Amino acid sequence: MKDPTTTPPAMPRIPALPEISVNIICPNCRLASQVQGKGPVLDFHCGFCRVPVTARIFPGLSRGNVPVPPGIPAGDGDATCQFFPEVTAEVICDECGCFMSQRAAAEWGEKTLCLPCLHRLREEKSDTEFRAGLKIWDNRALGLLALLPFTLFTAPAALFILLKFRKEPKSWIPRSSLRWWIALCLTITVLLGWTALVVIWIAMLTRELS
């Protein structure tokens, strides 16, 4: 028999979801509206076409900075990882917006990407922000000029490299364009020198033949 004076144990208090502000695109007119609420379901009317919209917010957007253990098995109604459907989605790809777990996510700088997006940005789009390596073209031009016996052929190649890739990033570390200008001036000087030698040689040959 229970003692009526016994105080029942206190139930754990569930913290309220923080209020969030998200941009939601209306499925009818494609207008983006900023909506505020506590989720996980937000109901609003589009500010342009007045169509009622119901949006279910990804739980990761409403939990704030509360850490979540990775690899939690997905339950009914949970957002699942696109690449591992058996686990709960924990993050969103900053490029394509797909839901994924930490197991499928790649951190690159300040962005969280799925592996297909990382491959596309690095290999297909050749995005300078995601390159694994960077070619320093002004150094290559100077290297061609260092081949002194062959500068008649390497100097035009160096000039071509300097002009074609003048807008490419010069290095991972920010630096001035002084080295590029030095390489350009040396290349033009070498080309003018070779041009003068060729003109003098042609003039001497013409004089000998006459």
N, C-alpha and C. Protein backbone atom coordinates (compact mmCIF):
# COMPACT_ATOMS: atom_id res chain seq x y z
N MET A 1 0.85 -1.20 0.00
CA MET A 1 0.00 0.00 0.00
C MET A 1 0.88 1.25 0.00
N LYS A 2 0.55 2.19 -0.86
CA LYS A 2 1.37 3.38 -1.01
C LYS A 2 1.06 4.36 0.11
N ASP A 3 2.08 5.01 0.58
CA ASP A 3 1.94 6.05 1.60
C ASP A 3 1.48 7.33 0.93
N PRO A 4 0.27 7.84 1.32
CA PRO A 4 -0.24 9.05 0.63
C PRO A 4 0.61 10.27 0.88
N THR A 5 1.44 10.21 1.90
CA THR A 5 2.29 11.38 2.18
C THR A 5 3.58 11.39 1.37
N THR A 6 3.81 10.28 0.69
CA THR A 6 5.04 10.20 -0.10
C THR A 6 4.94 11.09 -1.33
N THR A 7 5.93 11.93 -1.53
CA THR A 7 5.96 12.84 -2.68
C THR A 7 6.47 12.10 -3.91
N PRO A 8 5.70 12.08 -4.98
CA PRO A 8 6.16 11.38 -6.19
C PRO A 8 7.41 12.03 -6.74
N PRO A 9 8.27 11.24 -7.35
CA PRO A 9 9.50 11.82 -7.91
C PRO A 9 9.20 12.83 -8.99
N ALA A 10 10.00 13.87 -9.00
CA ALA A 10 9.81 14.93 -10.00
C ALA A 10 10.19 14.44 -11.38
N MET A 11 9.38 14.77 -12.36
CA MET A 11 9.66 14.40 -13.75
C MET A 11 10.75 15.31 -14.30
N PRO A 12 11.65 14.77 -15.12
CA PRO A 12 12.70 15.62 -15.70
C PRO A 12 12.10 16.71 -16.56
N ARG A 13 12.64 17.88 -16.42
CA ARG A 13 12.13 19.03 -17.16
C ARG A 13 12.75 19.06 -18.55
N ILE A 14 11.92 19.14 -19.53
CA ILE A 14 12.39 19.19 -20.93
C ILE A 14 12.62 20.65 -21.31
N PRO A 15 13.83 21.00 -21.69
CA PRO A 15 14.09 22.40 -22.04
C PRO A 15 13.32 22.82 -23.27
N ALA A 16 12.84 24.06 -23.25
CA ALA A 16 12.09 24.59 -24.39
C ALA A 16 13.03 24.80 -25.57
N LEU A 17 12.48 24.57 -26.75
CA LEU A 17 13.29 24.77 -27.95
C LEU A 17 13.55 26.26 -28.15
N PRO A 18 14.76 26.62 -28.52
CA PRO A 18 15.05 28.04 -28.74
C PRO A 18 14.34 28.55 -29.98
N GLU A 19 14.02 29.82 -29.97
CA GLU A 19 13.37 30.42 -31.13
C GLU A 19 14.40 30.60 -32.24
N ILE A 20 14.01 30.22 -33.42
CA ILE A 20 14.92 30.29 -34.57
C ILE A 20 14.29 31.15 -35.65
N SER A 21 15.13 31.64 -36.54
CA SER A 21 14.70 32.43 -37.69
C SER A 21 15.30 31.80 -38.94
N VAL A 22 14.43 31.36 -39.85
CA VAL A 22 14.89 30.66 -41.05
C VAL A 22 14.23 31.27 -42.28
N ASN A 23 14.89 31.12 -43.42
CA ASN A 23 14.33 31.52 -44.71
C ASN A 23 13.70 30.32 -45.37
N ILE A 24 12.42 30.41 -45.68
CA ILE A 24 11.67 29.31 -46.29
C ILE A 24 11.13 29.79 -47.62
N ILE A 25 11.32 28.98 -48.66
CA ILE A 25 10.87 29.33 -50.01
C ILE A 25 9.45 28.81 -50.20
N CYS A 26 8.56 29.68 -50.62
CA CYS A 26 7.18 29.30 -50.88
C CYS A 26 7.13 28.34 -52.05
N PRO A 27 6.47 27.17 -51.93
CA PRO A 27 6.40 26.22 -53.04
C PRO A 27 5.54 26.70 -54.20
N ASN A 28 4.75 27.76 -54.00
CA ASN A 28 3.86 28.24 -55.05
C ASN A 28 4.51 29.33 -55.90
N CYS A 29 5.03 30.39 -55.24
CA CYS A 29 5.59 31.52 -56.00
C CYS A 29 7.10 31.60 -55.91
N ARG A 30 7.75 30.71 -55.12
CA ARG A 30 9.19 30.63 -54.97
C ARG A 30 9.78 31.86 -54.28
N LEU A 31 8.96 32.60 -53.53
CA LEU A 31 9.45 33.75 -52.80
C LEU A 31 9.99 33.28 -51.45
N ALA A 32 11.18 33.76 -51.07
CA ALA A 32 11.77 33.41 -49.78
C ALA A 32 11.21 34.31 -48.70
N SER A 33 10.73 33.71 -47.61
CA SER A 33 10.18 34.46 -46.49
C SER A 33 10.95 34.10 -45.23
N GLN A 34 11.23 35.09 -44.42
CA GLN A 34 11.89 34.85 -43.15
C GLN A 34 10.83 34.56 -42.09
N VAL A 35 10.93 33.38 -41.49
CA VAL A 35 9.93 32.91 -40.54
C VAL A 35 10.61 32.66 -39.21
N GLN A 36 9.97 33.08 -38.14
CA GLN A 36 10.48 32.87 -36.80
C GLN A 36 9.54 31.94 -36.04
N GLY A 37 10.10 31.08 -35.23
CA GLY A 37 9.29 30.15 -34.44
C GLY A 37 10.18 29.23 -33.65
N LYS A 38 9.56 28.32 -32.91
CA LYS A 38 10.29 27.39 -32.07
C LYS A 38 10.28 25.97 -32.63
N GLY A 39 9.61 25.76 -33.76
CA GLY A 39 9.63 24.46 -34.41
C GLY A 39 9.04 23.38 -33.54
N PRO A 40 9.09 22.09 -33.98
CA PRO A 40 9.70 21.68 -35.26
C PRO A 40 8.83 21.93 -36.49
N VAL A 41 7.55 22.40 -36.27
CA VAL A 41 6.66 22.69 -37.40
C VAL A 41 6.32 24.17 -37.37
N LEU A 42 6.51 24.83 -38.50
CA LEU A 42 6.20 26.24 -38.63
C LEU A 42 5.08 26.42 -39.65
N ASP A 43 4.03 27.12 -39.25
CA ASP A 43 2.91 27.44 -40.14
C ASP A 43 2.91 28.94 -40.40
N PHE A 44 2.83 29.31 -41.66
CA PHE A 44 2.78 30.73 -42.01
C PHE A 44 2.12 30.88 -43.37
N HIS A 45 1.80 32.11 -43.72
CA HIS A 45 1.25 32.44 -45.03
C HIS A 45 2.31 33.21 -45.82
N CYS A 46 2.45 32.86 -47.08
CA CYS A 46 3.41 33.54 -47.94
C CYS A 46 3.05 35.02 -48.02
N GLY A 47 4.06 35.87 -47.88
CA GLY A 47 3.82 37.30 -47.90
C GLY A 47 3.43 37.84 -49.26
N PHE A 48 3.59 37.04 -50.33
CA PHE A 48 3.26 37.53 -51.68
C PHE A 48 1.96 36.92 -52.20
N CYS A 49 1.89 35.59 -52.22
CA CYS A 49 0.70 34.94 -52.78
C CYS A 49 -0.29 34.48 -51.71
N ARG A 50 0.07 34.65 -50.44
CA ARG A 50 -0.80 34.34 -49.31
C ARG A 50 -1.19 32.88 -49.22
N VAL A 51 -0.43 31.99 -49.83
CA VAL A 51 -0.68 30.55 -49.74
C VAL A 51 -0.22 30.05 -48.38
N PRO A 52 -1.04 29.28 -47.67
CA PRO A 52 -0.59 28.73 -46.39
C PRO A 52 0.50 27.68 -46.59
N VAL A 53 1.56 27.77 -45.80
CA VAL A 53 2.71 26.88 -45.92
C VAL A 53 2.99 26.27 -44.56
N THR A 54 3.22 24.99 -44.55
CA THR A 54 3.63 24.27 -43.34
C THR A 54 5.02 23.69 -43.58
N ALA A 55 5.97 24.07 -42.76
CA ALA A 55 7.35 23.63 -42.92
C ALA A 55 7.79 22.87 -41.68
N ARG A 56 8.40 21.72 -41.88
CA ARG A 56 8.96 20.96 -40.78
C ARG A 56 10.46 21.26 -40.73
N ILE A 57 10.92 21.78 -39.63
CA ILE A 57 12.30 22.24 -39.49
C ILE A 57 13.20 21.08 -39.07
N PHE A 58 14.34 21.01 -39.71
CA PHE A 58 15.34 20.01 -39.33
C PHE A 58 15.72 20.20 -37.87
N PRO A 59 15.64 19.15 -37.05
CA PRO A 59 15.89 19.31 -35.61
C PRO A 59 17.23 19.95 -35.27
N GLY A 60 18.24 19.73 -36.11
CA GLY A 60 19.54 20.29 -35.81
C GLY A 60 19.55 21.81 -35.78
N LEU A 61 18.57 22.45 -36.47
CA LEU A 61 18.51 23.90 -36.48
C LEU A 61 17.91 24.46 -35.21
N SER A 62 17.16 23.63 -34.47
CA SER A 62 16.46 24.13 -33.29
C SER A 62 17.06 23.67 -31.98
N ARG A 63 18.14 22.89 -32.04
CA ARG A 63 18.70 22.42 -30.78
C ARG A 63 19.82 23.32 -30.28
N GLY A 64 20.15 24.39 -31.03
CA GLY A 64 21.17 25.32 -30.58
C GLY A 64 22.54 24.69 -30.62
N ASN A 65 23.34 24.91 -29.58
CA ASN A 65 24.69 24.39 -29.50
C ASN A 65 24.78 23.12 -28.65
N VAL A 66 23.65 22.46 -28.42
CA VAL A 66 23.65 21.25 -27.62
C VAL A 66 24.28 20.12 -28.43
N PRO A 67 25.38 19.51 -27.97
CA PRO A 67 26.02 18.45 -28.75
C PRO A 67 25.17 17.20 -28.79
N VAL A 68 25.20 16.52 -29.91
CA VAL A 68 24.45 15.28 -30.11
C VAL A 68 25.44 14.17 -30.42
N PRO A 69 25.37 13.04 -29.71
CA PRO A 69 26.29 11.93 -29.99
C PRO A 69 26.13 11.45 -31.43
N PRO A 70 27.24 11.20 -32.13
CA PRO A 70 27.15 10.76 -33.52
C PRO A 70 26.66 9.32 -33.63
N GLY A 71 26.06 9.01 -34.77
CA GLY A 71 25.66 7.63 -35.05
C GLY A 71 24.44 7.15 -34.31
N ILE A 72 23.51 8.04 -33.95
CA ILE A 72 22.28 7.62 -33.26
C ILE A 72 21.37 6.93 -34.27
N PRO A 73 20.86 5.73 -33.96
CA PRO A 73 19.93 5.06 -34.89
C PRO A 73 18.69 5.91 -35.13
N ALA A 74 18.24 5.96 -36.37
CA ALA A 74 17.09 6.77 -36.73
C ALA A 74 15.82 6.13 -36.22
N GLY A 75 14.90 6.94 -35.70
CA GLY A 75 13.60 6.48 -35.25
C GLY A 75 12.51 6.99 -36.17
N ASP A 76 11.27 6.67 -35.81
CA ASP A 76 10.15 7.11 -36.62
C ASP A 76 10.04 8.62 -36.59
N GLY A 77 9.94 9.22 -37.76
CA GLY A 77 9.81 10.67 -37.85
C GLY A 77 11.11 11.43 -37.80
N ASP A 78 12.24 10.74 -37.62
CA ASP A 78 13.53 11.42 -37.57
C ASP A 78 14.07 11.66 -38.98
N ALA A 79 14.79 12.75 -39.13
CA ALA A 79 15.50 12.99 -40.39
C ALA A 79 16.69 12.04 -40.46
N THR A 80 16.82 11.33 -41.55
CA THR A 80 17.88 10.33 -41.69
C THR A 80 18.98 10.83 -42.62
N CYS A 81 20.14 10.24 -42.45
CA CYS A 81 21.29 10.57 -43.30
C CYS A 81 21.03 10.07 -44.71
N GLN A 82 21.36 10.90 -45.69
CA GLN A 82 21.15 10.52 -47.09
C GLN A 82 22.04 9.37 -47.51
N PHE A 83 23.20 9.24 -46.88
CA PHE A 83 24.16 8.22 -47.28
C PHE A 83 24.13 7.00 -46.35
N PHE A 84 23.68 7.19 -45.12
CA PHE A 84 23.53 6.08 -44.17
C PHE A 84 22.13 6.18 -43.58
N PRO A 85 21.12 5.64 -44.26
CA PRO A 85 19.72 5.84 -43.83
C PRO A 85 19.40 5.26 -42.46
N GLU A 86 20.27 4.42 -41.92
CA GLU A 86 19.96 3.80 -40.63
C GLU A 86 20.29 4.70 -39.45
N VAL A 87 20.98 5.84 -39.68
CA VAL A 87 21.34 6.72 -38.58
C VAL A 87 20.67 8.08 -38.77
N THR A 88 20.60 8.84 -37.67
CA THR A 88 19.95 10.14 -37.69
C THR A 88 20.84 11.19 -38.35
N ALA A 89 20.21 12.06 -39.13
CA ALA A 89 20.94 13.17 -39.72
C ALA A 89 21.32 14.17 -38.64
N GLU A 90 22.55 14.66 -38.71
CA GLU A 90 23.07 15.57 -37.68
C GLU A 90 23.46 16.93 -38.23
N VAL A 91 23.84 16.99 -39.49
CA VAL A 91 24.27 18.26 -40.10
C VAL A 91 23.68 18.37 -41.49
N ILE A 92 23.83 19.56 -42.08
CA ILE A 92 23.34 19.83 -43.43
C ILE A 92 24.51 20.25 -44.30
N CYS A 93 24.55 19.75 -45.52
CA CYS A 93 25.60 20.14 -46.46
C CYS A 93 25.41 21.61 -46.84
N ASP A 94 26.45 22.41 -46.71
CA ASP A 94 26.37 23.83 -47.02
C ASP A 94 26.27 24.11 -48.51
N GLU A 95 26.49 23.09 -49.35
CA GLU A 95 26.45 23.29 -50.79
C GLU A 95 25.11 22.86 -51.38
N CYS A 96 24.67 21.63 -51.12
CA CYS A 96 23.44 21.12 -51.72
C CYS A 96 22.28 21.04 -50.74
N GLY A 97 22.55 21.16 -49.45
CA GLY A 97 21.49 21.17 -48.46
C GLY A 97 20.98 19.80 -48.03
N CYS A 98 21.66 18.73 -48.41
CA CYS A 98 21.19 17.40 -48.02
C CYS A 98 21.46 17.14 -46.54
N PHE A 99 20.62 16.28 -45.93
CA PHE A 99 20.80 15.89 -44.54
C PHE A 99 21.80 14.74 -44.48
N MET A 100 22.70 14.79 -43.53
CA MET A 100 23.69 13.72 -43.43
C MET A 100 24.19 13.62 -42.00
N SER A 101 24.79 12.49 -41.70
CA SER A 101 25.38 12.26 -40.40
C SER A 101 26.83 12.72 -40.41
N GLN A 102 27.42 12.78 -39.21
CA GLN A 102 28.83 13.16 -39.13
C GLN A 102 29.72 12.16 -39.85
N ARG A 103 29.25 10.93 -39.97
CA ARG A 103 30.04 9.90 -40.66
C ARG A 103 30.22 10.24 -42.14
N ALA A 104 29.24 10.91 -42.72
CA ALA A 104 29.29 11.22 -44.15
C ALA A 104 29.72 12.65 -44.42
N ALA A 105 30.00 13.43 -43.39
CA ALA A 105 30.31 14.85 -43.57
C ALA A 105 31.81 15.07 -43.67
N ALA A 106 32.19 16.09 -44.41
CA ALA A 106 33.59 16.49 -44.54
C ALA A 106 33.70 17.97 -44.18
N GLU A 107 34.58 18.29 -43.26
CA GLU A 107 34.81 19.67 -42.86
C GLU A 107 35.93 20.26 -43.72
N TRP A 108 35.63 21.34 -44.42
CA TRP A 108 36.63 22.01 -45.26
C TRP A 108 36.58 23.49 -44.96
N GLY A 109 37.56 23.98 -44.23
CA GLY A 109 37.54 25.37 -43.80
C GLY A 109 36.39 25.60 -42.84
N GLU A 110 35.52 26.53 -43.17
CA GLU A 110 34.37 26.84 -42.34
C GLU A 110 33.10 26.19 -42.86
N LYS A 111 33.21 25.30 -43.84
CA LYS A 111 32.03 24.69 -44.45
C LYS A 111 31.96 23.20 -44.12
N THR A 112 30.73 22.71 -44.06
CA THR A 112 30.45 21.28 -43.90
C THR A 112 29.85 20.78 -45.20
N LEU A 113 30.49 19.81 -45.83
CA LEU A 113 30.08 19.36 -47.16
C LEU A 113 29.93 17.85 -47.18
N CYS A 114 29.04 17.39 -48.05
CA CYS A 114 29.00 15.95 -48.33
C CYS A 114 30.11 15.63 -49.33
N LEU A 115 30.49 14.37 -49.39
CA LEU A 115 31.62 14.00 -50.25
C LEU A 115 31.36 14.23 -51.74
N PRO A 116 30.14 13.98 -52.26
CA PRO A 116 29.91 14.30 -53.68
C PRO A 116 30.09 15.78 -54.00
N CYS A 117 29.64 16.68 -53.10
CA CYS A 117 29.82 18.11 -53.34
C CYS A 117 31.29 18.50 -53.28
N LEU A 118 32.02 17.92 -52.32
CA LEU A 118 33.45 18.21 -52.22
C LEU A 118 34.18 17.76 -53.47
N HIS A 119 33.83 16.59 -53.99
CA HIS A 119 34.46 16.10 -55.23
C HIS A 119 34.12 17.01 -56.41
N ARG A 120 32.85 17.44 -56.50
CA ARG A 120 32.45 18.29 -57.62
C ARG A 120 33.15 19.64 -57.56
N LEU A 121 33.27 20.23 -56.36
CA LEU A 121 33.91 21.54 -56.24
C LEU A 121 35.40 21.46 -56.55
N ARG A 122 36.04 20.36 -56.17
CA ARG A 122 37.48 20.24 -56.36
C ARG A 122 37.85 19.78 -57.76
N GLU A 123 37.14 18.76 -58.27
CA GLU A 123 37.57 18.12 -59.52
C GLU A 123 36.85 18.65 -60.74
N GLU A 124 35.55 18.95 -60.64
CA GLU A 124 34.78 19.36 -61.80
C GLU A 124 34.74 20.87 -61.97
N LYS A 125 34.42 21.59 -60.90
CA LYS A 125 34.35 23.05 -60.99
C LYS A 125 35.69 23.72 -60.79
N SER A 126 36.67 22.99 -60.25
CA SER A 126 38.01 23.53 -59.98
C SER A 126 37.93 24.82 -59.17
N ASP A 127 37.07 24.83 -58.17
CA ASP A 127 36.92 25.98 -57.30
C ASP A 127 38.23 26.21 -56.55
N THR A 128 38.76 27.44 -56.63
CA THR A 128 40.06 27.72 -56.00
C THR A 128 40.02 27.53 -54.49
N GLU A 129 38.84 27.67 -53.88
CA GLU A 129 38.73 27.52 -52.43
C GLU A 129 38.89 26.07 -52.00
N PHE A 130 38.67 25.13 -52.92
CA PHE A 130 38.68 23.72 -52.56
C PHE A 130 39.78 22.94 -53.27
N ARG A 131 40.75 23.61 -53.83
CA ARG A 131 41.84 22.91 -54.49
C ARG A 131 42.76 22.27 -53.46
N ALA A 132 43.22 21.06 -53.78
CA ALA A 132 44.18 20.40 -52.90
C ALA A 132 45.58 20.97 -53.08
N GLY A 133 45.85 21.51 -54.26
CA GLY A 133 47.15 22.11 -54.54
C GLY A 133 46.98 23.35 -55.39
N LEU A 134 48.00 24.17 -55.44
CA LEU A 134 47.92 25.42 -56.17
C LEU A 134 49.22 25.63 -56.94
N LYS A 135 49.09 25.91 -58.23
CA LYS A 135 50.26 26.15 -59.07
C LYS A 135 50.64 27.63 -59.00
N ILE A 136 51.90 27.89 -58.69
CA ILE A 136 52.40 29.26 -58.59
C ILE A 136 53.03 29.60 -59.93
N TRP A 137 52.26 30.29 -60.77
CA TRP A 137 52.66 30.48 -62.16
C TRP A 137 53.82 31.44 -62.31
N ASP A 138 53.93 32.47 -61.46
CA ASP A 138 55.06 33.39 -61.61
C ASP A 138 56.38 32.70 -61.30
N ASN A 139 56.37 31.76 -60.35
CA ASN A 139 57.59 30.98 -60.08
C ASN A 139 57.95 30.09 -61.26
N ARG A 140 56.94 29.55 -61.93
CA ARG A 140 57.21 28.71 -63.11
C ARG A 140 57.80 29.55 -64.24
N ALA A 141 57.30 30.77 -64.39
CA ALA A 141 57.84 31.64 -65.43
C ALA A 141 59.30 31.98 -65.13
N LEU A 142 59.61 32.27 -63.87
CA LEU A 142 61.00 32.54 -63.50
C LEU A 142 61.88 31.32 -63.70
N GLY A 143 61.32 30.14 -63.46
CA GLY A 143 62.09 28.92 -63.70
C GLY A 143 62.43 28.73 -65.17
N LEU A 144 61.48 29.10 -66.04
CA LEU A 144 61.77 29.01 -67.48
C LEU A 144 62.85 30.01 -67.89
N LEU A 145 62.86 31.17 -67.28
CA LEU A 145 63.88 32.17 -67.61
C LEU A 145 65.25 31.77 -67.09
N ALA A 146 65.27 30.90 -66.07
CA ALA A 146 66.57 30.45 -65.53
C ALA A 146 67.30 29.52 -66.48
N LEU A 147 66.60 28.98 -67.49
CA LEU A 147 67.24 28.12 -68.49
C LEU A 147 67.88 29.01 -69.55
N LEU A 148 68.96 29.66 -69.18
CA LEU A 148 69.56 30.71 -70.02
C LEU A 148 69.88 30.27 -71.44
N PRO A 149 70.47 29.08 -71.68
CA PRO A 149 70.81 28.74 -73.07
C PRO A 149 69.59 28.55 -73.96
N PHE A 150 68.42 28.36 -73.34
CA PHE A 150 67.23 28.03 -74.13
C PHE A 150 66.15 29.11 -74.04
N THR A 151 66.52 30.30 -73.57
CA THR A 151 65.51 31.33 -73.36
C THR A 151 64.88 31.82 -74.67
N LEU A 152 65.53 31.55 -75.81
CA LEU A 152 64.90 31.90 -77.08
C LEU A 152 63.56 31.19 -77.23
N PHE A 153 63.44 30.00 -76.62
CA PHE A 153 62.19 29.23 -76.70
C PHE A 153 61.39 29.31 -75.39
N THR A 154 62.10 29.40 -74.26
CA THR A 154 61.38 29.39 -72.98
C THR A 154 60.81 30.77 -72.61
N ALA A 155 61.41 31.86 -73.09
CA ALA A 155 60.90 33.19 -72.78
C ALA A 155 59.49 33.42 -73.34
N PRO A 156 59.22 33.05 -74.60
CA PRO A 156 57.83 33.18 -75.08
C PRO A 156 56.86 32.33 -74.27
N ALA A 157 57.30 31.13 -73.84
CA ALA A 157 56.44 30.29 -73.01
C ALA A 157 56.17 30.96 -71.66
N ALA A 158 57.19 31.59 -71.09
CA ALA A 158 57.02 32.29 -69.81
C ALA A 158 56.06 33.46 -69.96
N LEU A 159 56.17 34.21 -71.07
CA LEU A 159 55.26 35.33 -71.31
C LEU A 159 53.82 34.83 -71.45
N PHE A 160 53.65 33.71 -72.16
CA PHE A 160 52.32 33.13 -72.32
C PHE A 160 51.72 32.74 -70.97
N ILE A 161 52.52 32.12 -70.11
CA ILE A 161 52.05 31.69 -68.78
C ILE A 161 51.66 32.90 -67.94
N LEU A 162 52.48 33.94 -67.97
CA LEU A 162 52.21 35.12 -67.15
C LEU A 162 50.93 35.83 -67.57
N LEU A 163 50.66 35.89 -68.87
CA LEU A 163 49.47 36.58 -69.35
C LEU A 163 48.22 35.72 -69.22
N LYS A 164 48.35 34.42 -69.47
CA LYS A 164 47.17 33.54 -69.43
C LYS A 164 46.66 33.35 -68.00
N PHE A 165 47.59 33.21 -67.05
CA PHE A 165 47.19 32.90 -65.67
C PHE A 165 47.40 34.10 -64.74
N ARG A 166 47.28 35.30 -65.26
CA ARG A 166 47.53 36.48 -64.43
C ARG A 166 46.47 36.66 -63.34
N LYS A 167 45.25 36.12 -63.55
CA LYS A 167 44.18 36.28 -62.57
C LYS A 167 44.08 35.09 -61.60
N GLU A 168 44.93 34.09 -61.80
CA GLU A 168 44.90 32.95 -60.90
C GLU A 168 45.49 33.34 -59.54
N PRO A 169 45.03 32.66 -58.44
CA PRO A 169 45.63 32.94 -57.12
C PRO A 169 47.12 32.72 -57.14
N LYS A 170 47.87 33.60 -56.53
CA LYS A 170 49.32 33.54 -56.59
C LYS A 170 49.90 32.55 -55.58
N SER A 171 49.20 32.29 -54.49
CA SER A 171 49.63 31.30 -53.51
C SER A 171 48.55 31.19 -52.46
N TRP A 172 48.67 30.15 -51.61
CA TRP A 172 47.73 30.02 -50.49
C TRP A 172 47.91 31.17 -49.51
N ILE A 173 49.15 31.66 -49.36
CA ILE A 173 49.43 32.76 -48.45
C ILE A 173 49.30 34.07 -49.22
N PRO A 174 48.49 35.01 -48.77
CA PRO A 174 48.33 36.27 -49.50
C PRO A 174 49.66 37.00 -49.64
N ARG A 175 49.97 37.42 -50.86
CA ARG A 175 51.19 38.19 -51.10
C ARG A 175 50.94 39.13 -52.26
N SER A 176 51.84 40.08 -52.43
CA SER A 176 51.67 41.09 -53.47
C SER A 176 51.99 40.49 -54.84
N SER A 177 51.73 41.29 -55.87
CA SER A 177 52.00 40.87 -57.24
C SER A 177 53.39 41.30 -57.71
N LEU A 178 54.28 41.64 -56.78
CA LEU A 178 55.61 42.11 -57.16
C LEU A 178 56.38 41.05 -57.94
N ARG A 179 56.30 39.79 -57.51
CA ARG A 179 57.04 38.74 -58.21
C ARG A 179 56.52 38.56 -59.62
N TRP A 180 55.22 38.72 -59.81
CA TRP A 180 54.65 38.61 -61.16
C TRP A 180 55.20 39.71 -62.06
N TRP A 181 55.26 40.93 -61.54
CA TRP A 181 55.78 42.03 -62.34
C TRP A 181 57.27 41.86 -62.63
N ILE A 182 58.03 41.36 -61.66
CA ILE A 182 59.45 41.10 -61.90
C ILE A 182 59.62 40.07 -63.00
N ALA A 183 58.84 39.00 -62.94
CA ALA A 183 58.92 37.96 -63.98
C ALA A 183 58.54 38.53 -65.34
N LEU A 184 57.52 39.38 -65.38
CA LEU A 184 57.10 39.97 -66.66
C LEU A 184 58.20 40.87 -67.22
N CYS A 185 58.80 41.71 -66.38
CA CYS A 185 59.86 42.60 -66.86
C CYS A 185 61.07 41.82 -67.36
N LEU A 186 61.47 40.77 -66.64
CA LEU A 186 62.60 39.95 -67.08
C LEU A 186 62.28 39.24 -68.39
N THR A 187 61.06 38.77 -68.53
CA THR A 187 60.68 38.08 -69.76
C THR A 187 60.74 39.02 -70.96
N ILE A 188 60.18 40.22 -70.79
CA ILE A 188 60.21 41.19 -71.89
C ILE A 188 61.66 41.59 -72.21
N THR A 189 62.49 41.74 -71.18
CA THR A 189 63.90 42.10 -71.41
C THR A 189 64.62 41.02 -72.20
N VAL A 190 64.39 39.76 -71.82
CA VAL A 190 65.03 38.64 -72.54
C VAL A 190 64.55 38.59 -73.98
N LEU A 191 63.25 38.79 -74.20
CA LEU A 191 62.72 38.76 -75.57
C LEU A 191 63.29 39.90 -76.40
N LEU A 192 63.41 41.08 -75.81
CA LEU A 192 64.01 42.20 -76.53
C LEU A 192 65.48 41.94 -76.84
N GLY A 193 66.18 41.30 -75.89
CA GLY A 193 67.58 40.97 -76.14
C GLY A 193 67.74 40.00 -77.29
N TRP A 194 66.91 38.95 -77.29
CA TRP A 194 66.98 37.98 -78.39
C TRP A 194 66.58 38.63 -79.72
N THR A 195 65.58 39.52 -79.69
CA THR A 195 65.17 40.21 -80.91
C THR A 195 66.31 41.06 -81.46
N ALA A 196 67.03 41.76 -80.55
CA ALA A 196 68.16 42.58 -80.99
C ALA A 196 69.27 41.72 -81.58
N LEU A 197 69.54 40.57 -80.94
CA LEU A 197 70.58 39.68 -81.46
C LEU A 197 70.22 39.14 -82.84
N VAL A 198 68.95 38.78 -83.01
CA VAL A 198 68.52 38.25 -84.31
C VAL A 198 68.63 39.33 -85.38
N VAL A 199 68.22 40.57 -85.04
CA VAL A 199 68.30 41.67 -86.02
C VAL A 199 69.76 41.94 -86.38
N ILE A 200 70.65 41.96 -85.39
CA ILE A 200 72.09 42.20 -85.66
C ILE A 200 72.65 41.07 -86.51
N TRP A 201 72.27 39.83 -86.21
CA TRP A 201 72.78 38.68 -86.97
C TRP A 201 72.31 38.75 -88.42
N ILE A 202 71.03 39.11 -88.63
CA ILE A 202 70.51 39.23 -90.00
C ILE A 202 71.22 40.36 -90.75
N ALA A 203 71.47 41.46 -90.03
CA ALA A 203 72.15 42.59 -90.67
C ALA A 203 73.57 42.20 -91.07
N MET A 204 74.30 41.50 -90.18
CA MET A 204 75.66 41.06 -90.50
C MET A 204 75.64 40.06 -91.64
N LEU A 205 74.67 39.15 -91.65
CA LEU A 205 74.59 38.17 -92.73
C LEU A 205 74.28 38.84 -94.05
N THR A 206 73.42 39.83 -94.03
CA THR A 206 73.09 40.55 -95.27
C THR A 206 74.31 41.30 -95.79
N ARG A 207 75.07 41.89 -94.87
CA ARG A 207 76.28 42.62 -95.26
C ARG A 207 77.31 41.70 -95.88
N GLU A 208 77.47 40.50 -95.31
CA GLU A 208 78.43 39.55 -95.85
C GLU A 208 78.01 39.07 -97.23
N LEU A 209 76.73 38.87 -97.43
CA LEU A 209 76.26 38.37 -98.73
C LEU A 209 76.33 39.45 -99.78
N SER A 210 76.21 40.70 -99.38
CA SER A 210 76.29 41.79 -100.36
C SER A 210 77.73 42.17 -100.67
